[in-house]
């Protein structure tokens, strides 16, 4: 099977939804390519048209729709993937003002893109339902998974406890809604052996034992997390957060770090078996105090987190991505030689596809000059990517 995935860069959401799945598919014996595409540049049509399936991550504006139309005309299966509800950006996000003003336009353009696809993939059932309402013909759920290189082995810590929180700028709203700044300041005041590290979002805590790192490169994130003794994933109960991915606690678990998270959306079905505890909105002070003073409880949760994290790599779960790409290709009429035993059902896809077209061999046709294909033409070469994460010495 030949799959091409297109993202905007190789970090964050694009890594989890496009780059890392391509690397895992390649390791499994498929031809898989990841391309970075900026809409201001010509679309890589000639390169993409050689694939059985093309996955577009968050590409839904007019240039992407022209590319999708051209690819479908050439007999290539087109998939769209998104891991956030772009129509409900939270108030704390830097993009809130822009996206709120353009919400109707975003929904219109996103719906137009969805209707051009053979299949859509996303990270959870609720977001799948929202995408269907916007016009997606059918949606399959594949969770975000870690790269195997993200995993870390942690040694037992000393008497001090480092509490860490990795979060983007959009979590400023969660910080405010959950009143976490005062809670975290009180934690540091009450427990001199505790320090706090925030990566990305600034908690604004006034303490000499608070450190804020505005940016940590994605490739260095595993080593940053491995320095934590306890990690946080607080989110407020708002629409955007209910359809988030659960990748944050997987990142913590991959480093063997116990975690505390809100019982909202992506985390509500997780708990101690996955190495963490769920905390109600106004229970953060008690939950934090309990764990920073209980080394044995942290150690037990850390062991469970590490065990769960080892099951949450994209290499272990590559069959889920295989299944959706095979289904998309067959919907487009392509015949693929993938052993049935390798087709691991993905999320919603376990129910089986409906409305799939009868498989037939496709010979891609040239696109007439002046049509959508002409607008999409002008390929850019793929950039070979190696493993994102290099292991450093264990803590």
Protein backbone atom coordinates (compact mmCIF):
# COMPACT_ATOMS: atom_id res chain seq x y z
CA UNK A 1 0.00 0.00 0.00
CA UNK A 2 1.24 3.48 -0.87
CA UNK A 3 0.10 6.30 1.42
CA UNK A 4 1.02 9.98 1.37
CA UNK A 5 0.19 12.21 4.34
CA UNK A 6 0.37 15.99 4.22
CA UNK A 7 0.73 18.24 7.23
CA UNK A 8 1.82 21.77 7.94
CA UNK A 9 4.94 20.80 9.90
CA UNK A 10 6.37 17.78 11.73
CA UNK A 11 5.51 18.65 15.32
CA UNK A 12 2.50 18.45 17.61
CA UNK A 13 -0.75 17.42 15.94
CA UNK A 14 0.86 16.94 12.53
CA UNK A 15 3.35 14.51 14.07
CA UNK A 16 0.73 12.41 15.83
CA UNK A 17 -1.80 12.41 12.98
CA UNK A 18 0.46 12.26 9.92
CA UNK A 19 4.24 11.97 10.38
CA UNK A 20 4.40 9.22 13.01
CA UNK A 21 1.71 7.03 11.36
CA UNK A 22 3.68 7.23 8.09
CA UNK A 23 6.86 6.14 9.86
CA UNK A 24 5.05 3.21 11.48
CA UNK A 25 3.49 2.16 8.17
CA UNK A 26 6.91 2.27 6.52
CA UNK A 27 8.33 0.08 9.29
CA UNK A 28 5.44 -2.34 8.66
CA UNK A 29 6.48 -2.69 5.02
CA UNK A 30 4.29 -0.13 3.25
CA UNK A 31 5.39 2.75 1.09
CA UNK A 32 4.52 5.75 3.24
CA UNK A 33 5.55 9.37 2.76
CA UNK A 34 5.07 12.53 4.79
CA UNK A 35 5.03 15.90 3.03
CA UNK A 36 4.99 19.36 4.56
CA UNK A 37 2.79 21.64 2.48
CA UNK A 38 2.11 25.35 2.84
CA UNK A 39 -0.98 26.48 0.91
CA UNK A 40 0.98 29.46 -0.38
CA UNK A 41 3.13 27.04 -2.40
CA UNK A 42 2.03 24.80 -5.28
CA UNK A 43 0.39 21.57 -4.17
CA UNK A 44 2.50 18.40 -4.61
CA UNK A 45 -0.05 16.87 -6.99
CA UNK A 46 2.28 14.84 -9.21
CA UNK A 47 3.87 13.19 -6.18
CA UNK A 48 0.56 12.61 -4.41
CA UNK A 49 -1.21 11.13 -7.42
CA UNK A 50 1.11 8.09 -7.33
CA UNK A 51 -0.38 7.03 -3.97
CA UNK A 52 -3.30 4.75 -3.20
CA UNK A 53 -4.41 7.08 -0.40
CA UNK A 54 -3.63 10.71 0.43
CA UNK A 55 -4.28 11.95 3.96
CA UNK A 56 -4.73 15.71 4.45
CA UNK A 57 -4.20 16.83 8.04
CA UNK A 58 -6.15 20.05 8.69
CA UNK A 59 -5.81 21.13 5.06
CA UNK A 60 -9.31 22.33 4.16
CA UNK A 61 -8.97 25.72 2.48
CA UNK A 62 -9.55 26.26 -1.24
CA UNK A 63 -6.09 25.04 -2.42
CA UNK A 64 -6.57 21.80 -0.48
CA UNK A 65 -10.05 21.31 -1.91
CA UNK A 66 -8.72 21.77 -5.43
CA UNK A 67 -6.03 19.20 -4.69
CA UNK A 68 -8.58 16.76 -3.24
CA UNK A 69 -10.81 17.10 -6.32
CA UNK A 70 -7.87 16.50 -8.63
CA UNK A 71 -6.75 13.44 -6.70
CA UNK A 72 -10.21 11.89 -6.69
CA UNK A 73 -10.47 12.51 -10.43
CA UNK A 74 -7.19 10.61 -10.78
CA UNK A 75 -8.61 7.68 -8.81
CA UNK A 76 -6.70 8.35 -5.59
CA UNK A 77 -8.51 7.88 -2.28
CA UNK A 78 -8.67 11.09 -0.25
CA UNK A 79 -8.81 11.21 3.54
CA UNK A 80 -9.07 14.19 5.86
CA UNK A 81 -7.91 14.15 9.47
CA UNK A 82 -8.44 16.61 12.27
CA UNK A 83 -7.85 16.26 16.02
CA UNK A 84 -9.56 19.44 17.30
CA UNK A 85 -12.89 21.17 16.78
CA UNK A 86 -11.73 24.17 14.77
CA UNK A 87 -15.18 25.76 14.98
CA UNK A 88 -15.01 26.06 18.80
CA UNK A 89 -11.60 27.45 19.65
CA UNK A 90 -11.49 28.29 23.41
CA UNK A 91 -11.21 31.86 24.68
CA UNK A 92 -7.72 31.33 26.06
CA UNK A 93 -6.31 30.43 22.64
CA UNK A 94 -4.21 33.04 20.79
CA UNK A 95 -6.35 32.27 17.72
CA UNK A 96 -9.68 32.83 19.50
CA UNK A 97 -10.46 36.32 18.17
CA UNK A 98 -9.63 35.39 14.59
CA UNK A 99 -11.46 32.05 14.64
CA UNK A 100 -14.55 33.40 16.42
CA UNK A 101 -15.01 36.06 13.76
CA UNK A 102 -14.57 33.49 11.00
CA UNK A 103 -16.41 30.59 12.65
CA UNK A 104 -19.16 30.33 10.03
CA UNK A 105 -16.64 30.55 7.20
CA UNK A 106 -14.44 27.89 8.81
CA UNK A 107 -17.44 25.58 9.22
CA UNK A 108 -18.47 26.18 5.60
CA UNK A 109 -15.02 25.49 4.18
CA UNK A 110 -14.44 22.53 6.49
CA UNK A 111 -17.77 21.01 5.45
CA UNK A 112 -16.87 21.45 1.78
CA UNK A 113 -13.58 19.62 2.35
CA UNK A 114 -15.24 16.81 4.26
CA UNK A 115 -17.71 16.17 1.43
CA UNK A 116 -14.79 15.64 -0.98
CA UNK A 117 -13.30 12.78 1.04
CA UNK A 118 -13.67 9.01 0.86
CA UNK A 119 -13.14 8.74 4.61
CA UNK A 120 -12.33 10.96 7.58
CA UNK A 121 -10.25 10.05 10.64
CA UNK A 122 -10.15 11.67 14.05
CA UNK A 123 -9.26 10.99 17.67
CA UNK A 124 -12.53 10.41 19.56
CA UNK A 125 -16.18 9.51 19.06
CA UNK A 126 -17.63 12.91 19.98
CA UNK A 127 -15.41 14.74 17.48
CA UNK A 128 -16.35 12.10 14.89
CA UNK A 129 -20.02 12.93 15.46
CA UNK A 130 -19.35 16.65 15.05
CA UNK A 131 -17.49 16.05 11.79
CA UNK A 132 -20.37 13.96 10.48
CA UNK A 133 -22.75 16.81 11.22
CA UNK A 134 -20.50 19.10 9.20
CA UNK A 135 -20.73 16.81 6.18
CA UNK A 136 -18.23 13.96 6.55
CA UNK A 137 -19.46 10.88 4.64
CA UNK A 138 -18.09 8.56 7.32
CA UNK A 139 -15.56 8.87 10.12
CA UNK A 140 -13.20 6.42 11.77
CA UNK A 141 -11.59 6.90 15.18
CA UNK A 142 -7.87 6.27 15.62
CA UNK A 143 -6.41 7.61 18.86
CA UNK A 144 -3.13 9.47 19.00
CA UNK A 145 -0.22 7.20 19.80
CA UNK A 146 3.37 7.81 20.88
CA UNK A 147 6.45 7.02 18.86
CA UNK A 148 8.42 4.21 20.51
CA UNK A 149 11.34 6.63 20.89
CA UNK A 150 9.20 8.70 23.29
CA UNK A 151 9.40 6.00 25.98
CA UNK A 152 11.76 6.58 28.89
CA UNK A 153 12.97 4.54 31.86
CA UNK A 154 12.88 6.48 35.11
CA UNK A 155 14.83 5.77 38.26
CA UNK A 156 13.45 6.47 41.71
CA UNK A 157 13.55 10.16 42.65
CA UNK A 158 14.94 11.65 45.82
CA UNK A 159 13.19 13.59 48.57
CA UNK A 160 12.22 16.51 46.33
CA UNK A 161 9.14 16.37 44.09
CA UNK A 162 8.84 18.12 40.75
CA UNK A 163 5.29 18.74 39.55
CA UNK A 164 5.07 19.41 35.82
CA UNK A 165 2.47 20.66 33.38
CA UNK A 166 2.94 20.60 29.59
CA UNK A 167 0.24 22.58 27.79
CA UNK A 168 -0.23 24.96 24.87
CA UNK A 169 -1.21 28.60 25.17
CA UNK A 170 -4.90 27.74 24.68
CA UNK A 171 -4.88 26.24 28.18
CA UNK A 172 -4.77 29.72 29.70
CA UNK A 173 -8.56 29.47 29.86
CA UNK A 174 -8.31 26.25 31.87
CA UNK A 175 -5.83 27.89 34.23
CA UNK A 176 -8.35 30.68 34.88
CA UNK A 177 -11.54 28.59 34.98
CA UNK A 178 -10.09 26.07 37.43
CA UNK A 179 -8.38 28.77 39.53
CA UNK A 180 -5.15 26.83 39.39
CA UNK A 181 -2.66 29.63 39.96
CA UNK A 182 -3.70 30.09 43.58
CA UNK A 183 -3.90 26.33 44.10
CA UNK A 184 -0.37 25.85 42.80
CA UNK A 185 1.01 28.77 44.83
CA UNK A 186 -0.58 27.32 47.96
CA UNK A 187 0.94 23.92 47.16
CA UNK A 188 4.44 25.38 46.97
CA UNK A 189 3.90 27.42 50.13
CA UNK A 190 2.76 24.36 52.09
CA UNK A 191 5.39 21.92 50.81
CA UNK A 192 8.99 23.23 50.66
CA UNK A 193 10.18 20.01 48.97
CA UNK A 194 7.94 20.63 45.93
CA UNK A 195 8.86 22.60 42.80
CA UNK A 196 6.71 23.38 39.76
CA UNK A 197 7.68 23.38 36.07
CA UNK A 198 5.36 24.56 33.29
CA UNK A 199 6.14 24.00 29.62
CA UNK A 200 4.21 26.21 27.20
CA UNK A 201 1.46 27.78 29.26
CA UNK A 202 2.63 30.14 32.02
CA UNK A 203 0.85 29.47 35.29
CA UNK A 204 2.00 32.85 36.63
CA UNK A 205 2.93 31.34 39.98
CA UNK A 206 4.90 33.65 42.27
CA UNK A 207 7.56 31.45 43.81
CA UNK A 208 11.28 30.86 43.59
CA UNK A 209 10.51 27.18 43.02
CA UNK A 210 8.47 27.84 39.88
CA UNK A 211 10.10 27.51 36.43
CA UNK A 212 8.44 28.36 33.13
CA UNK A 213 9.77 27.15 29.78
CA UNK A 214 7.86 28.99 27.03
CA UNK A 215 9.04 26.51 24.40
CA UNK A 216 10.58 23.06 24.48
CA UNK A 217 11.24 21.57 21.01
CA UNK A 218 9.01 18.59 20.36
CA UNK A 219 12.01 16.30 19.96
CA UNK A 220 13.17 17.23 23.48
CA UNK A 221 9.79 16.86 25.13
CA UNK A 222 10.27 13.26 26.37
CA UNK A 223 13.41 14.24 28.27
CA UNK A 224 11.67 17.27 29.76
CA UNK A 225 8.74 15.16 30.96
CA UNK A 226 11.08 12.52 32.40
CA UNK A 227 12.26 15.11 34.94
CA UNK A 228 8.78 15.29 36.49
CA UNK A 229 7.70 13.25 39.51
CA UNK A 230 4.03 14.10 38.99
CA UNK A 231 2.37 15.58 35.90
CA UNK A 232 -0.84 17.53 35.37
CA UNK A 233 -3.54 17.53 32.67
CA UNK A 234 -6.24 19.92 33.91
CA UNK A 235 -8.96 21.01 31.47
CA UNK A 236 -12.18 22.93 32.05
CA UNK A 237 -15.52 21.46 31.03
CA UNK A 238 -16.02 23.40 27.80
CA UNK A 239 -16.99 22.23 24.32
CA UNK A 240 -13.49 22.37 22.82
CA UNK A 241 -11.98 20.30 25.63
CA UNK A 242 -14.62 17.56 25.42
CA UNK A 243 -13.22 16.44 22.07
CA UNK A 244 -9.53 16.70 22.84
CA UNK A 245 -7.15 13.79 22.37
CA UNK A 246 -5.84 11.87 25.39
CA UNK A 247 -2.26 12.10 24.12
CA UNK A 248 -1.11 14.35 26.97
CA UNK A 249 -1.44 11.66 29.63
CA UNK A 250 0.07 9.15 27.20
CA UNK A 251 3.12 11.41 26.92
CA UNK A 252 3.39 11.44 30.70
CA UNK A 253 2.89 7.68 30.90
CA UNK A 254 5.49 7.09 28.21
CA UNK A 255 8.05 8.60 30.59
CA UNK A 256 6.71 6.59 33.54
CA UNK A 257 5.33 9.70 35.25
CA UNK A 258 2.12 9.44 37.33
CA UNK A 259 -0.50 12.02 36.40
CA UNK A 260 -3.55 13.92 37.58
CA UNK A 261 -6.21 14.90 35.05
CA UNK A 262 -9.70 16.36 34.84
CA UNK A 263 -12.55 13.85 34.38
CA UNK A 264 -13.49 15.54 31.11
CA UNK A 265 -13.68 14.26 27.53
CA UNK A 266 -10.48 12.39 26.66
CA UNK A 267 -9.60 11.48 30.24
CA UNK A 268 -12.93 10.48 31.74
CA UNK A 269 -12.46 6.73 31.16
CA UNK A 270 -8.86 6.65 32.39
CA UNK A 271 -7.57 6.26 35.92
CA UNK A 272 -5.24 4.32 38.17
CA UNK A 273 -4.84 1.40 35.76
CA UNK A 274 -3.30 3.90 33.34
CA UNK A 275 -1.13 5.44 36.03
CA UNK A 276 -3.15 8.43 37.16
CA UNK A 277 -6.09 9.83 39.06
CA UNK A 278 -9.04 11.95 37.99
CA UNK A 279 -9.61 15.21 39.84
CA UNK A 280 -12.88 17.17 40.03
CA UNK A 281 -12.74 20.91 39.35
CA UNK A 282 -12.27 21.99 42.96
CA UNK A 283 -10.36 18.93 44.15
CA UNK A 284 -6.93 19.90 42.85
CA UNK A 285 -5.50 21.14 46.13
CA UNK A 286 -6.32 17.89 47.94
CA UNK A 287 -5.25 15.62 45.07
CA UNK A 288 -1.91 17.39 44.70
CA UNK A 289 -1.21 17.41 48.43
CA UNK A 290 -2.02 13.71 48.69
CA UNK A 291 0.46 12.66 46.01
CA UNK A 292 3.37 15.02 46.71
CA UNK A 293 3.47 13.60 50.26
CA UNK A 294 3.05 9.93 49.31
CA UNK A 295 6.13 8.50 47.60
CA UNK A 296 4.75 4.93 47.59
CA UNK A 297 1.54 5.99 45.83
CA UNK A 298 3.50 7.92 43.20
CA UNK A 299 5.80 4.95 42.63
CA UNK A 300 2.88 2.55 42.20
CA UNK A 301 1.11 4.87 39.79
CA UNK A 302 4.36 5.45 37.91
CA UNK A 303 4.80 1.72 37.34
CA UNK A 304 1.26 1.44 35.98
CA UNK A 305 1.80 4.51 33.81
CA UNK A 306 4.95 3.04 32.29
CA UNK A 307 3.26 -0.31 31.61
CA UNK A 308 0.32 1.40 29.90
CA UNK A 309 2.59 3.75 27.98
CA UNK A 310 4.39 0.81 26.40
CA UNK A 311 1.07 -0.31 24.88
CA UNK A 312 0.33 3.14 23.47
CA UNK A 313 2.94 3.46 20.72
CA UNK A 314 2.04 3.89 17.08
CA UNK A 315 4.20 0.88 16.25
CA UNK A 316 2.08 -1.37 18.50
CA UNK A 317 -1.16 0.07 17.12
CA UNK A 318 -0.22 0.57 13.46
CA UNK A 319 -2.94 -1.92 12.46
CA UNK A 320 -5.58 0.71 13.27
CA UNK A 321 -4.08 3.11 10.73
CA UNK A 322 -3.68 0.28 8.23
CA UNK A 323 -7.38 -0.54 8.53
CA UNK A 324 -8.62 2.98 7.78
CA UNK A 325 -6.27 3.47 4.85
CA UNK A 326 -7.30 0.14 3.34
CA UNK A 327 -10.96 1.04 3.78
CA UNK A 328 -10.47 4.45 2.17
CA UNK A 329 -8.63 2.90 -0.77
CA UNK A 330 -11.33 0.30 -1.31
CA UNK A 331 -14.02 2.98 -1.16
CA UNK A 332 -12.16 4.66 -4.02
CA UNK A 333 -12.10 1.40 -5.96
CA UNK A 334 -8.52 0.36 -5.38
CA UNK A 335 -7.39 -3.22 -4.78
CA UNK A 336 -4.71 -3.52 -2.12
CA UNK A 337 -2.57 -6.48 -1.14
CA UNK A 338 -2.77 -6.21 2.65
CA UNK A 339 -3.19 -9.48 4.57
CA UNK A 340 -6.64 -9.54 6.25
CA UNK A 341 -5.04 -10.52 9.54
CA UNK A 342 -3.20 -7.19 9.58
CA UNK A 343 -6.40 -5.15 9.28
CA UNK A 344 -7.00 -4.19 12.87
CA UNK A 345 -10.36 -2.37 13.18
CA UNK A 346 -10.07 1.25 14.24
CA UNK A 347 -12.45 2.82 16.73
CA UNK A 348 -15.75 3.50 15.01
CA UNK A 349 -14.50 1.39 12.12
CA UNK A 350 -15.04 -1.76 14.18
CA UNK A 351 -18.68 -1.53 13.15
CA UNK A 352 -17.65 -2.08 9.56
CA UNK A 353 -17.85 0.27 6.60
CA UNK A 354 -21.04 1.07 4.75
CA UNK A 355 -21.49 2.26 1.24
CA UNK A 356 -18.07 1.14 0.03
CA UNK A 357 -17.65 0.91 -3.71
CA UNK A 358 -16.80 -2.42 -5.33
CA UNK A 359 -13.01 -2.76 -5.61
CA UNK A 360 -11.55 -2.33 -9.08
CA UNK A 361 -8.08 -1.66 -10.45
CA UNK A 362 -7.49 2.03 -11.03
CA UNK A 363 -5.18 3.52 -13.62
CA UNK A 364 -4.70 7.20 -12.77
CA UNK A 365 -5.76 9.53 -15.58
CA UNK A 366 -4.02 12.78 -16.51
CA UNK A 367 -5.91 15.89 -15.46
CA UNK A 368 -6.98 18.22 -18.23
CA UNK A 369 -5.09 21.53 -18.30
CA UNK A 370 -7.02 24.37 -16.75
CA UNK A 371 -8.98 22.12 -14.36
CA UNK A 372 -8.52 21.51 -10.68
CA UNK A 373 -5.49 19.38 -11.41
CA UNK A 374 -3.74 22.24 -13.14
CA UNK A 375 -4.32 24.41 -10.11
CA UNK A 376 -2.90 21.68 -7.91
CA UNK A 377 0.11 20.79 -10.02
CA UNK A 378 3.70 21.53 -9.03
CA UNK A 379 5.11 18.87 -6.78
CA UNK A 380 7.65 19.40 -4.06
CA UNK A 381 9.93 16.53 -3.05
CA UNK A 382 9.29 14.67 0.17
CA UNK A 383 11.65 15.41 3.03
CA UNK A 384 13.00 12.20 4.56
CA UNK A 385 12.46 12.16 8.31
CA UNK A 386 14.18 10.01 10.93
CA UNK A 387 13.02 9.18 14.41
CA UNK A 388 11.96 12.29 16.28
CA UNK A 389 13.18 11.37 19.72
CA UNK A 390 16.72 10.54 20.80
CA UNK A 391 17.15 8.87 24.14
CA UNK A 392 19.27 10.51 26.81
CA UNK A 393 20.41 9.11 30.09
CA UNK A 394 17.63 8.01 32.41
CA UNK A 395 16.92 10.12 35.43
